[in-house]
N, C-alpha and C. Protein backbone atom coordinates (compact mmCIF):
# COMPACT_ATOMS: atom_id res chain seq x y z
N MET A 1 -174.01 -43.95 205.20
CA MET A 1 -175.26 -43.45 205.35
C MET A 1 -176.10 -44.53 205.38
N ARG A 2 -177.32 -44.78 205.96
CA ARG A 2 -177.96 -46.01 206.40
C ARG A 2 -179.40 -45.66 205.45
N PRO A 3 -179.79 -46.31 204.48
CA PRO A 3 -180.90 -46.34 203.76
C PRO A 3 -181.95 -46.15 204.74
N LYS A 4 -183.24 -45.35 204.21
CA LYS A 4 -184.10 -45.29 205.09
C LYS A 4 -185.07 -46.21 205.20
N LYS A 5 -185.65 -46.35 206.46
CA LYS A 5 -186.47 -47.84 206.80
C LYS A 5 -187.68 -47.53 206.23
N GLU A 6 -188.23 -48.15 205.36
CA GLU A 6 -189.75 -48.21 204.97
C GLU A 6 -190.52 -48.69 206.09
N PRO A 7 -191.62 -47.88 206.42
CA PRO A 7 -192.54 -48.24 207.38
C PRO A 7 -193.18 -49.58 207.23
N LYS A 8 -193.35 -50.31 208.04
CA LYS A 8 -193.99 -51.71 207.87
C LYS A 8 -195.40 -51.60 207.14
N LYS A 9 -195.71 -52.44 206.13
CA LYS A 9 -196.95 -52.46 205.41
C LYS A 9 -197.49 -53.67 206.16
N GLU A 10 -198.88 -53.29 207.15
CA GLU A 10 -199.75 -54.20 207.70
C GLU A 10 -200.89 -54.44 207.41
N VAL A 11 -201.52 -55.37 207.28
CA VAL A 11 -202.79 -55.69 206.96
C VAL A 11 -203.85 -56.73 207.90
N GLY A 12 -204.79 -56.27 208.23
CA GLY A 12 -205.41 -57.16 209.27
C GLY A 12 -206.00 -58.16 208.59
N VAL A 13 -206.26 -59.50 209.09
CA VAL A 13 -206.87 -60.59 208.88
C VAL A 13 -208.11 -60.50 207.91
N ARG A 14 -209.02 -59.64 208.46
CA ARG A 14 -210.43 -59.26 207.68
C ARG A 14 -210.07 -58.61 206.59
N GLU A 15 -209.18 -57.61 206.37
CA GLU A 15 -209.03 -57.06 205.27
C GLU A 15 -208.37 -57.89 204.22
N LEU A 16 -207.41 -58.57 204.81
CA LEU A 16 -206.71 -59.58 203.95
C LEU A 16 -207.70 -60.69 203.33
N ARG A 17 -208.61 -61.12 203.91
CA ARG A 17 -209.61 -62.06 203.38
C ARG A 17 -210.39 -61.55 202.81
N GLN A 18 -211.17 -60.15 202.65
CA GLN A 18 -211.85 -59.63 201.85
C GLN A 18 -211.05 -59.14 200.44
N ASN A 19 -210.12 -58.70 200.72
CA ASN A 19 -209.05 -58.44 199.36
C ASN A 19 -207.82 -59.16 199.07
N LEU A 20 -207.99 -60.84 199.24
CA LEU A 20 -206.68 -61.08 198.97
C LEU A 20 -206.51 -61.17 197.44
N SER A 21 -207.04 -61.20 196.72
CA SER A 21 -206.40 -60.94 194.95
C SER A 21 -205.70 -59.69 195.25
N VAL A 22 -206.09 -58.52 195.75
CA VAL A 22 -205.44 -56.99 195.75
C VAL A 22 -204.04 -57.31 196.52
N TYR A 23 -204.06 -58.03 197.58
CA TYR A 23 -203.03 -58.36 198.17
C TYR A 23 -201.95 -59.11 197.61
N LEU A 24 -202.39 -60.04 197.03
CA LEU A 24 -201.58 -61.05 196.61
C LEU A 24 -200.76 -60.13 195.40
N ARG A 25 -201.56 -59.49 194.39
CA ARG A 25 -201.06 -58.77 193.46
C ARG A 25 -199.47 -57.75 193.99
N ARG A 26 -200.04 -57.35 195.06
CA ARG A 26 -198.71 -56.53 195.63
C ARG A 26 -197.51 -57.23 196.17
N VAL A 27 -198.19 -58.64 196.66
CA VAL A 27 -197.00 -59.43 196.88
C VAL A 27 -195.79 -59.75 195.89
N ILE A 28 -196.99 -60.29 194.88
CA ILE A 28 -196.20 -60.54 193.47
C ILE A 28 -195.36 -59.52 193.02
N ARG A 29 -195.75 -58.03 192.96
CA ARG A 29 -194.71 -57.16 192.69
C ARG A 29 -193.46 -56.78 193.72
N GLY A 30 -193.84 -57.63 194.61
CA GLY A 30 -192.23 -57.62 195.34
C GLY A 30 -192.50 -56.91 197.15
N GLU A 31 -193.67 -56.47 197.36
CA GLU A 31 -194.06 -56.25 198.53
C GLU A 31 -194.04 -57.24 200.15
N THR A 32 -193.32 -56.93 200.81
CA THR A 32 -193.83 -57.93 202.03
C THR A 32 -194.95 -57.37 202.98
N LEU A 33 -195.68 -58.21 203.26
CA LEU A 33 -196.78 -57.70 204.05
C LEU A 33 -196.84 -58.16 205.57
N GLU A 34 -197.16 -57.68 206.60
CA GLU A 34 -197.13 -58.12 208.13
C GLU A 34 -198.78 -58.49 208.08
N VAL A 35 -199.18 -59.56 208.47
CA VAL A 35 -200.44 -60.08 208.66
C VAL A 35 -200.74 -59.60 210.43
N THR A 36 -201.76 -58.94 210.49
CA THR A 36 -202.22 -58.53 212.00
C THR A 36 -203.52 -59.25 212.52
N ASP A 37 -203.60 -59.61 213.65
CA ASP A 37 -205.10 -60.22 214.25
C ASP A 37 -205.05 -59.29 215.40
N ARG A 38 -206.19 -58.43 215.32
CA ARG A 38 -206.47 -57.56 216.67
C ARG A 38 -205.19 -56.90 217.03
N GLY A 39 -204.73 -56.41 215.69
CA GLY A 39 -203.35 -55.41 216.36
C GLY A 39 -201.94 -56.25 216.49
N ARG A 40 -202.15 -57.56 216.72
CA ARG A 40 -200.64 -58.30 217.01
C ARG A 40 -200.09 -59.03 215.74
N ALA A 41 -199.32 -59.14 215.33
CA ALA A 41 -198.50 -59.49 214.24
C ALA A 41 -198.80 -61.11 214.19
N VAL A 42 -199.09 -61.95 213.15
CA VAL A 42 -199.29 -62.95 213.33
C VAL A 42 -198.33 -63.99 212.11
N ALA A 43 -198.33 -63.06 211.02
CA ALA A 43 -197.50 -63.78 209.71
C ALA A 43 -197.15 -62.73 209.04
N ILE A 44 -196.43 -63.24 208.09
CA ILE A 44 -195.41 -62.47 207.12
C ILE A 44 -195.84 -63.00 205.82
N LEU A 45 -196.52 -61.96 204.78
CA LEU A 45 -196.75 -62.45 203.29
C LEU A 45 -195.50 -61.86 202.76
N ALA A 46 -194.97 -62.75 201.73
CA ALA A 46 -193.69 -62.12 201.25
C ALA A 46 -193.62 -63.02 200.07
N PRO A 47 -192.96 -62.49 198.87
CA PRO A 47 -192.86 -63.11 197.70
C PRO A 47 -191.91 -64.42 197.81
N LEU A 48 -192.06 -65.58 197.20
CA LEU A 48 -191.18 -66.80 196.98
C LEU A 48 -189.90 -66.18 196.55
N PRO A 49 -188.82 -66.78 197.06
CA PRO A 49 -187.51 -66.47 196.56
C PRO A 49 -187.31 -67.02 195.23
N LYS A 50 -186.68 -66.53 194.37
CA LYS A 50 -186.14 -66.81 193.10
C LYS A 50 -185.18 -67.88 192.61
N HIS A 51 -185.53 -68.91 193.22
CA HIS A 51 -184.43 -70.05 193.14
C HIS A 51 -184.48 -70.56 191.49
N THR A 52 -183.25 -70.87 190.90
CA THR A 52 -183.36 -71.45 189.83
C THR A 52 -183.65 -72.68 189.58
N SER A 53 -182.75 -73.42 190.50
CA SER A 53 -183.15 -75.14 190.65
C SER A 53 -183.60 -75.90 191.76
N ILE A 54 -183.82 -76.98 191.77
CA ILE A 54 -184.36 -77.44 193.19
C ILE A 54 -182.89 -77.58 194.11
N LEU A 55 -181.74 -77.58 193.32
CA LEU A 55 -180.54 -77.57 194.37
C LEU A 55 -180.69 -76.55 195.15
N ASP A 56 -181.18 -75.27 194.44
CA ASP A 56 -180.61 -73.85 195.17
C ASP A 56 -181.82 -73.82 196.17
N ARG A 57 -182.81 -74.18 196.02
CA ARG A 57 -184.09 -74.42 196.95
C ARG A 57 -183.91 -75.40 198.15
N LEU A 58 -183.26 -76.33 197.89
CA LEU A 58 -182.69 -77.22 198.86
C LEU A 58 -181.51 -76.66 200.04
N GLU A 59 -180.64 -75.90 199.26
CA GLU A 59 -179.38 -75.30 199.94
C GLU A 59 -180.25 -74.24 200.72
N ALA A 60 -181.01 -73.60 199.99
CA ALA A 60 -181.47 -72.33 200.85
C ALA A 60 -182.40 -73.01 202.23
N GLU A 61 -182.96 -74.05 201.94
CA GLU A 61 -183.67 -74.63 203.03
C GLU A 61 -182.69 -75.15 204.39
N GLY A 62 -181.44 -75.55 203.95
CA GLY A 62 -180.46 -75.88 204.91
C GLY A 62 -180.61 -77.61 204.48
N ARG A 63 -181.17 -78.12 203.43
CA ARG A 63 -181.17 -79.65 203.36
C ARG A 63 -180.16 -80.06 202.52
N LEU A 64 -179.28 -79.24 201.78
CA LEU A 64 -178.33 -79.60 201.04
C LEU A 64 -176.90 -78.79 201.46
N ILE A 65 -175.66 -79.29 201.32
CA ILE A 65 -174.64 -78.78 201.31
C ILE A 65 -173.82 -79.26 199.89
N ARG A 66 -173.65 -78.32 199.36
CA ARG A 66 -172.93 -78.72 197.91
C ARG A 66 -171.48 -78.94 198.19
N ALA A 67 -171.14 -80.05 197.25
CA ALA A 67 -169.80 -80.43 197.33
C ALA A 67 -168.89 -79.55 196.97
N THR A 68 -167.73 -79.57 197.73
CA THR A 68 -166.77 -78.41 197.57
C THR A 68 -165.20 -78.88 196.63
N GLY A 69 -165.20 -80.29 196.76
CA GLY A 69 -163.95 -81.19 196.05
C GLY A 69 -164.34 -81.38 194.49
N ASP A 70 -163.34 -81.91 193.90
CA ASP A 70 -163.48 -82.46 192.32
C ASP A 70 -163.60 -83.93 192.51
N LEU A 71 -164.53 -84.31 192.06
CA LEU A 71 -164.90 -85.71 192.28
C LEU A 71 -163.99 -86.52 191.20
N LEU A 72 -163.38 -85.88 190.49
CA LEU A 72 -162.14 -86.64 189.68
C LEU A 72 -161.12 -86.53 190.09
N ALA A 73 -160.85 -85.96 191.17
CA ALA A 73 -159.50 -85.64 191.53
C ALA A 73 -159.36 -86.96 192.78
N LEU A 74 -160.52 -87.45 193.08
CA LEU A 74 -160.38 -88.62 193.82
C LEU A 74 -159.44 -89.93 193.45
N LYS A 75 -158.57 -90.49 194.30
CA LYS A 75 -157.80 -91.76 194.16
C LYS A 75 -158.70 -92.91 193.71
N ARG A 76 -158.36 -93.73 192.89
CA ARG A 76 -159.07 -94.96 193.00
C ARG A 76 -158.64 -96.07 194.07
N PRO A 77 -159.55 -96.71 194.43
CA PRO A 77 -159.27 -97.49 195.61
C PRO A 77 -158.40 -98.88 195.19
N LYS A 78 -157.54 -99.27 195.84
CA LYS A 78 -156.61 -100.12 195.46
C LYS A 78 -157.37 -101.67 195.83
N ILE A 79 -157.86 -102.39 194.68
CA ILE A 79 -158.33 -103.70 194.73
C ILE A 79 -157.67 -104.71 195.04
N ARG A 80 -157.64 -105.48 195.73
CA ARG A 80 -156.82 -106.71 196.12
C ARG A 80 -157.12 -107.51 195.08
N PRO A 81 -156.24 -108.67 194.32
CA PRO A 81 -156.70 -109.63 193.58
C PRO A 81 -157.51 -110.48 194.41
N PRO A 82 -158.67 -111.20 193.65
CA PRO A 82 -159.19 -112.30 194.57
C PRO A 82 -158.31 -113.44 194.37
N ARG A 83 -158.82 -114.20 195.42
CA ARG A 83 -158.43 -115.48 195.74
C ARG A 83 -158.73 -116.52 194.49
N PRO A 84 -157.70 -117.25 194.22
CA PRO A 84 -158.15 -118.59 193.01
C PRO A 84 -159.54 -119.30 193.73
N THR A 85 -160.21 -119.37 192.69
CA THR A 85 -161.32 -120.00 192.76
C THR A 85 -161.37 -121.54 193.69
N SER A 86 -160.43 -121.82 193.07
CA SER A 86 -159.82 -123.45 193.70
C SER A 86 -159.79 -123.41 195.17
N GLU A 87 -159.24 -122.25 195.68
CA GLU A 87 -158.80 -122.11 196.75
C GLU A 87 -160.21 -121.86 197.56
N MET A 88 -161.20 -120.94 197.24
CA MET A 88 -162.12 -120.72 197.97
C MET A 88 -163.10 -121.94 197.82
N LEU A 89 -162.90 -123.01 196.95
CA LEU A 89 -163.76 -124.23 196.83
C LEU A 89 -163.46 -125.00 197.83
N ASP A 90 -162.01 -125.25 198.00
CA ASP A 90 -161.60 -125.99 199.10
C ASP A 90 -161.80 -125.70 200.37
N GLU A 91 -162.07 -124.28 200.53
CA GLU A 91 -162.31 -123.88 201.96
C GLU A 91 -163.82 -124.04 202.24
N GLU A 92 -164.76 -123.86 201.15
CA GLU A 92 -166.15 -124.38 201.37
C GLU A 92 -166.35 -125.84 201.39
N ARG A 93 -165.50 -126.75 200.78
CA ARG A 93 -165.72 -128.43 201.19
C ARG A 93 -165.11 -128.98 202.49
N ALA A 94 -164.14 -127.85 203.01
CA ALA A 94 -163.45 -128.17 204.16
C ALA A 94 -164.38 -127.93 205.40
N ASP A 95 -165.35 -126.94 205.12
CA ASP A 95 -166.51 -126.61 206.16
C ASP A 95 -167.47 -127.75 206.38
N ARG A 96 -167.82 -128.49 205.26
CA ARG A 96 -169.14 -129.37 205.17
C ARG A 96 -168.61 -130.63 206.00
N LEU A 97 -167.16 -130.76 205.95
CA LEU A 97 -166.91 -132.38 206.04
C LEU A 97 -166.69 -132.14 207.90
């Protein structure tokens, strides 16, 4: 069974401008309004999503993809032992001659 579809709540630009605080209170209570200009829909006035953190907001905007792996499970890279300093100095000196 489908839920009943609510009729669209529309408000004209002039009406919205003259009674902005009234319509903002309605939006704060959770209503979504369609703003019309000469009978043509031009905007939607809706409550902001209730994100709990900046990460939630960035994810909702598609600007963040959360990591799925475990950072601690990564293997440490193998580090080659450095060449002896004397060897590197000999090489530098050979380049100057």
